[in-house]
């Protein structure tokens, strides 16, 4: 997988999927910190997901955004949807992604919707299965997108022409 330089991309405004307050209990009481999940993308097939943790909300969001920029990957997008049906898994979360006809829109929950909007997919059907932990749902969605194959790469790997794939 090629490394993508975020400075070369025209990134959209990041989407913050979830901000959580987490507590560590010690002898002196509870110590609160914050965890944030951010998604960045250019709307043209590039997507990155990052998680940041800090003592303040703003710092956690900044860290998440920077980690997301460092983890940008390329995803095949065909006519505003995905090339084929796929299930992504991360932990106990599973996400089913199905291509949809133009005009359908994004049928998805909050975490999956944020990823789809950032990557530039406008028509898709999704279903979240298993755990609904927002961090794991976002990572399962990213896993599904990374494992997508476009028709050109499949044809090259099999040594056949693109029309032969659909026969």
C-alpha atoms as a PDB file:
ATOM      1  CA  UNK A   1       0.000   0.000   0.000  1.00  0.00           C
ATOM      2  CA  UNK A   2       1.441   3.364  -1.020  1.00  0.00           C
ATOM      3  CA  UNK A   3       1.973   6.109   1.534  1.00  0.00           C
ATOM      4  CA  UNK A   4      -0.223   9.119   0.776  1.00  0.00           C
ATOM      5  CA  UNK A   5       0.991  12.604   1.657  1.00  0.00           C
ATOM      6  CA  UNK A   6      -1.888  14.573   3.252  1.00  0.00           C
ATOM      7  CA  UNK A   7      -0.330  17.882   2.133  1.00  0.00           C
ATOM      8  CA  UNK A   8      -0.952  16.929  -1.524  1.00  0.00           C
ATOM      9  CA  UNK A   9      -4.682  16.357  -0.955  1.00  0.00           C
ATOM     10  CA  UNK A  10      -7.425  18.956  -0.727  1.00  0.00           C
ATOM     11  CA  UNK A  11      -8.879  17.656   2.560  1.00  0.00           C
ATOM     12  CA  UNK A  12     -12.401  18.542   3.660  1.00  0.00           C
ATOM     13  CA  UNK A  13     -13.161  19.685   7.198  1.00  0.00           C
ATOM     14  CA  UNK A  14     -12.692  16.738   9.556  1.00  0.00           C
ATOM     15  CA  UNK A  15     -15.693  15.003  11.106  1.00  0.00           C
ATOM     16  CA  UNK A  16     -15.608  14.213  14.817  1.00  0.00           C
ATOM     17  CA  UNK A  17     -17.466  10.928  15.249  1.00  0.00           C
ATOM     18  CA  UNK A  18     -17.361  10.622  19.030  1.00  0.00           C
ATOM     19  CA  UNK A  19     -15.960  12.405  22.070  1.00  0.00           C
ATOM     20  CA  UNK A  20     -15.866  10.376  25.257  1.00  0.00           C
ATOM     21  CA  UNK A  21     -14.992  11.253  28.804  1.00  0.00           C
ATOM     22  CA  UNK A  22     -12.966   8.456  30.357  1.00  0.00           C
ATOM     23  CA  UNK A  23     -12.083   8.192  34.040  1.00  0.00           C
ATOM     24  CA  UNK A  24      -9.169   6.618  35.847  1.00  0.00           C
ATOM     25  CA  UNK A  25      -9.846   5.957  39.506  1.00  0.00           C
ATOM     26  CA  UNK A  26      -6.961   6.120  41.973  1.00  0.00           C
ATOM     27  CA  UNK A  27      -6.585   6.729  45.707  1.00  0.00           C
ATOM     28  CA  UNK A  28      -7.107  10.484  45.288  1.00  0.00           C
ATOM     29  CA  UNK A  29     -10.341  10.113  43.337  1.00  0.00           C
ATOM     30  CA  UNK A  30     -11.229  10.134  39.654  1.00  0.00           C
ATOM     31  CA  UNK A  31      -8.971  11.555  36.964  1.00  0.00           C
ATOM     32  CA  UNK A  32     -10.914  12.504  33.831  1.00  0.00           C
ATOM     33  CA  UNK A  33      -9.475  12.502  30.303  1.00  0.00           C
ATOM     34  CA  UNK A  34     -11.064  12.702  26.882  1.00  0.00           C
ATOM     35  CA  UNK A  35     -11.000  10.409  23.858  1.00  0.00           C
ATOM     36  CA  UNK A  36     -11.966  11.552  20.354  1.00  0.00           C
ATOM     37  CA  UNK A  37     -12.474   9.712  17.049  1.00  0.00           C
ATOM     38  CA  UNK A  38     -11.919  11.825  13.918  1.00  0.00           C
ATOM     39  CA  UNK A  39     -12.354  11.076  10.205  1.00  0.00           C
ATOM     40  CA  UNK A  40     -10.663  13.094   7.435  1.00  0.00           C
ATOM     41  CA  UNK A  41     -11.015  12.732   3.678  1.00  0.00           C
ATOM     42  CA  UNK A  42     -10.971  14.634   0.402  1.00  0.00           C
ATOM     43  CA  UNK A  43     -14.297  13.436  -1.008  1.00  0.00           C
ATOM     44  CA  UNK A  44     -12.447  11.786  -3.915  1.00  0.00           C
ATOM     45  CA  UNK A  45     -11.592   8.350  -2.524  1.00  0.00           C
ATOM     46  CA  UNK A  46      -9.059   9.179   0.213  1.00  0.00           C
ATOM     47  CA  UNK A  47      -9.922   8.517   3.863  1.00  0.00           C
ATOM     48  CA  UNK A  48      -8.139   8.490   7.220  1.00  0.00           C
ATOM     49  CA  UNK A  49      -9.328   7.603  10.720  1.00  0.00           C
ATOM     50  CA  UNK A  50      -7.596   8.632  13.943  1.00  0.00           C
ATOM     51  CA  UNK A  51      -8.101   8.359  17.701  1.00  0.00           C
ATOM     52  CA  UNK A  52      -6.724  10.929  20.126  1.00  0.00           C
ATOM     53  CA  UNK A  53      -6.649  10.994  23.916  1.00  0.00           C
ATOM     54  CA  UNK A  54      -5.781  13.981  26.108  1.00  0.00           C
ATOM     55  CA  UNK A  55      -6.690  15.864  29.271  1.00  0.00           C
ATOM     56  CA  UNK A  56      -8.741  18.429  27.335  1.00  0.00           C
ATOM     57  CA  UNK A  57     -11.314  18.022  24.569  1.00  0.00           C
ATOM     58  CA  UNK A  58      -9.569  20.366  22.100  1.00  0.00           C
ATOM     59  CA  UNK A  59      -6.241  18.552  22.488  1.00  0.00           C
ATOM     60  CA  UNK A  60      -7.914  15.152  22.019  1.00  0.00           C
ATOM     61  CA  UNK A  61      -9.599  16.358  18.808  1.00  0.00           C
ATOM     62  CA  UNK A  62      -6.335  17.822  17.495  1.00  0.00           C
ATOM     63  CA  UNK A  63      -4.463  14.573  18.180  1.00  0.00           C
ATOM     64  CA  UNK A  64      -7.201  12.514  16.516  1.00  0.00           C
ATOM     65  CA  UNK A  65      -7.140  14.773  13.455  1.00  0.00           C
ATOM     66  CA  UNK A  66      -3.336  14.538  13.126  1.00  0.00           C
ATOM     67  CA  UNK A  67      -3.384  10.732  13.471  1.00  0.00           C
ATOM     68  CA  UNK A  68      -6.140  10.530  10.856  1.00  0.00           C
ATOM     69  CA  UNK A  69      -4.048  12.594   8.418  1.00  0.00           C
ATOM     70  CA  UNK A  70      -1.107  10.229   8.906  1.00  0.00           C
ATOM     71  CA  UNK A  71      -3.294   7.171   8.179  1.00  0.00           C
ATOM     72  CA  UNK A  72      -4.873   8.198   4.851  1.00  0.00           C
ATOM     73  CA  UNK A  73      -5.606   5.379   2.387  1.00  0.00           C
ATOM     74  CA  UNK A  74      -7.053   5.237  -1.153  1.00  0.00           C
ATOM     75  CA  UNK A  75     -10.460   3.596  -1.661  1.00  0.00           C
ATOM     76  CA  UNK A  76     -12.074   2.583  -4.985  1.00  0.00           C
ATOM     77  CA  UNK A  77     -15.192   4.684  -5.615  1.00  0.00           C
ATOM     78  CA  UNK A  78     -17.267   3.973  -8.751  1.00  0.00           C
ATOM     79  CA  UNK A  79     -19.983   6.484  -9.743  1.00  0.00           C
ATOM     80  CA  UNK A  80     -20.493   7.634  -6.143  1.00  0.00           C
ATOM     81  CA  UNK A  81     -20.815   4.121  -4.687  1.00  0.00           C
ATOM     82  CA  UNK A  82     -18.640   1.055  -4.019  1.00  0.00           C
ATOM     83  CA  UNK A  83     -17.811  -1.635  -6.612  1.00  0.00           C
ATOM     84  CA  UNK A  84     -19.258  -4.629  -4.717  1.00  0.00           C
ATOM     85  CA  UNK A  85     -20.853  -5.844  -1.476  1.00  0.00           C
ATOM     86  CA  UNK A  86     -18.473  -6.391   1.470  1.00  0.00           C
ATOM     87  CA  UNK A  87     -18.434  -6.957   5.235  1.00  0.00           C
ATOM     88  CA  UNK A  88     -15.807  -5.193   7.346  1.00  0.00           C
ATOM     89  CA  UNK A  89     -14.832  -6.480  10.789  1.00  0.00           C
ATOM     90  CA  UNK A  90     -13.054  -4.906  13.731  1.00  0.00           C
ATOM     91  CA  UNK A  91     -13.355  -6.477  17.157  1.00  0.00           C
ATOM     92  CA  UNK A  92     -16.967  -7.479  17.748  1.00  0.00           C
ATOM     93  CA  UNK A  93     -18.277  -4.920  15.246  1.00  0.00           C
ATOM     94  CA  UNK A  94     -19.243  -5.876  11.711  1.00  0.00           C
ATOM     95  CA  UNK A  95     -20.397  -3.492   9.015  1.00  0.00           C
ATOM     96  CA  UNK A  96     -22.166  -4.596   5.829  1.00  0.00           C
ATOM     97  CA  UNK A  97     -21.720  -2.251   2.847  1.00  0.00           C
ATOM     98  CA  UNK A  98     -23.838  -2.669  -0.306  1.00  0.00           C
ATOM     99  CA  UNK A  99     -23.629  -0.566  -3.472  1.00  0.00           C
ATOM    100  CA  UNK A 100     -26.758   1.433  -4.284  1.00  0.00           C
ATOM    101  CA  UNK A 101     -28.240   3.017  -7.401  1.00  0.00           C
ATOM    102  CA  UNK A 102     -27.820   6.776  -7.950  1.00  0.00           C
ATOM    103  CA  UNK A 103     -30.216   8.874  -5.867  1.00  0.00           C
ATOM    104  CA  UNK A 104     -30.413   6.436  -2.950  1.00  0.00           C
ATOM    105  CA  UNK A 105     -28.277   8.529  -0.603  1.00  0.00           C
ATOM    106  CA  UNK A 106     -26.293   7.331   2.391  1.00  0.00           C
ATOM    107  CA  UNK A 107     -28.389   4.896   4.420  1.00  0.00           C
ATOM    108  CA  UNK A 108     -26.172   4.528   7.495  1.00  0.00           C
ATOM    109  CA  UNK A 109     -25.694   5.254  11.170  1.00  0.00           C
ATOM    110  CA  UNK A 110     -23.595   8.141  12.499  1.00  0.00           C
ATOM    111  CA  UNK A 111     -20.148   6.498  12.426  1.00  0.00           C
ATOM    112  CA  UNK A 112     -20.513   4.887   9.010  1.00  0.00           C
ATOM    113  CA  UNK A 113     -22.150   8.031   7.584  1.00  0.00           C
ATOM    114  CA  UNK A 114     -19.176  10.180   8.651  1.00  0.00           C
ATOM    115  CA  UNK A 115     -16.743   7.858   6.855  1.00  0.00           C
ATOM    116  CA  UNK A 116     -18.879   7.716   3.679  1.00  0.00           C
ATOM    117  CA  UNK A 117     -19.281  11.494   3.497  1.00  0.00           C
ATOM    118  CA  UNK A 118     -15.541  12.058   3.924  1.00  0.00           C
ATOM    119  CA  UNK A 119     -14.552   9.456   1.303  1.00  0.00           C
ATOM    120  CA  UNK A 120     -17.014  10.826  -1.264  1.00  0.00           C
ATOM    121  CA  UNK A 121     -19.538   7.991  -1.465  1.00  0.00           C
ATOM    122  CA  UNK A 122     -23.036   9.404  -2.075  1.00  0.00           C
ATOM    123  CA  UNK A 123     -25.145   6.257  -2.624  1.00  0.00           C
ATOM    124  CA  UNK A 124     -24.748   3.251  -0.324  1.00  0.00           C
ATOM    125  CA  UNK A 125     -26.744   0.873   1.864  1.00  0.00           C
ATOM    126  CA  UNK A 126     -25.162  -0.159   5.169  1.00  0.00           C
ATOM    127  CA  UNK A 127     -25.993  -2.233   8.216  1.00  0.00           C
ATOM    128  CA  UNK A 128     -24.051  -2.315  11.459  1.00  0.00           C
ATOM    129  CA  UNK A 129     -23.956  -5.790  13.001  1.00  0.00           C
ATOM    130  CA  UNK A 130     -22.644  -6.909  16.378  1.00  0.00           C
ATOM    131  CA  UNK A 131     -21.183  -4.319  18.733  1.00  0.00           C
ATOM    132  CA  UNK A 132     -22.255  -0.698  18.204  1.00  0.00           C
ATOM    133  CA  UNK A 133     -19.127   0.807  19.801  1.00  0.00           C
ATOM    134  CA  UNK A 134     -18.570   3.867  17.595  1.00  0.00           C
ATOM    135  CA  UNK A 135     -14.789   3.508  17.449  1.00  0.00           C
ATOM    136  CA  UNK A 136     -15.004  -0.138  16.358  1.00  0.00           C
ATOM    137  CA  UNK A 137     -17.813   0.586  13.876  1.00  0.00           C
ATOM    138  CA  UNK A 138     -15.690   3.279  12.196  1.00  0.00           C
ATOM    139  CA  UNK A 139     -12.658   0.969  12.079  1.00  0.00           C
ATOM    140  CA  UNK A 140     -14.788  -1.896  10.693  1.00  0.00           C
ATOM    141  CA  UNK A 141     -16.071   0.455   7.970  1.00  0.00           C
ATOM    142  CA  UNK A 142     -12.491   1.443   7.127  1.00  0.00           C
ATOM    143  CA  UNK A 143     -11.534  -2.253   7.039  1.00  0.00           C
ATOM    144  CA  UNK A 144     -14.315  -2.935   4.530  1.00  0.00           C
ATOM    145  CA  UNK A 145     -13.298   0.004   2.340  1.00  0.00           C
ATOM    146  CA  UNK A 146      -9.626  -1.036   2.346  1.00  0.00           C
ATOM    147  CA  UNK A 147     -10.546  -4.578   1.261  1.00  0.00           C
ATOM    148  CA  UNK A 148     -12.610  -3.424  -1.734  1.00  0.00           C
ATOM    149  CA  UNK A 149     -11.324  -4.381  -5.194  1.00  0.00           C
ATOM    150  CA  UNK A 150     -12.038  -2.449  -8.365  1.00  0.00           C
ATOM    151  CA  UNK A 151     -12.647  -4.210 -11.696  1.00  0.00           C
ATOM    152  CA  UNK A 152      -9.302  -3.130 -13.189  1.00  0.00           C
ATOM    153  CA  UNK A 153      -7.189  -4.643 -10.389  1.00  0.00           C
ATOM    154  CA  UNK A 154      -9.211  -7.894 -10.444  1.00  0.00           C
ATOM    155  CA  UNK A 155      -8.799  -8.178 -14.243  1.00  0.00           C
ATOM    156  CA  UNK A 156      -5.048  -7.559 -14.015  1.00  0.00           C
ATOM    157  CA  UNK A 157      -4.607 -10.118 -11.245  1.00  0.00           C
ATOM    158  CA  UNK A 158      -6.607 -12.788 -13.112  1.00  0.00           C
ATOM    159  CA  UNK A 159      -5.028 -11.972 -16.476  1.00  0.00           C
ATOM    160  CA  UNK A 160      -8.362 -11.359 -18.221  1.00  0.00           C
ATOM    161  CA  UNK A 161     -10.168  -8.370 -19.726  1.00  0.00           C
ATOM    162  CA  UNK A 162     -12.611  -6.250 -17.761  1.00  0.00           C
ATOM    163  CA  UNK A 163     -15.785  -7.431 -19.655  1.00  0.00           C
ATOM    164  CA  UNK A 164     -14.837 -11.078 -18.914  1.00  0.00           C
ATOM    165  CA  UNK A 165     -15.162 -10.383 -15.152  1.00  0.00           C
ATOM    166  CA  UNK A 166     -18.864  -9.655 -15.469  1.00  0.00           C
ATOM    167  CA  UNK A 167     -19.652 -12.746 -17.551  1.00  0.00           C
END
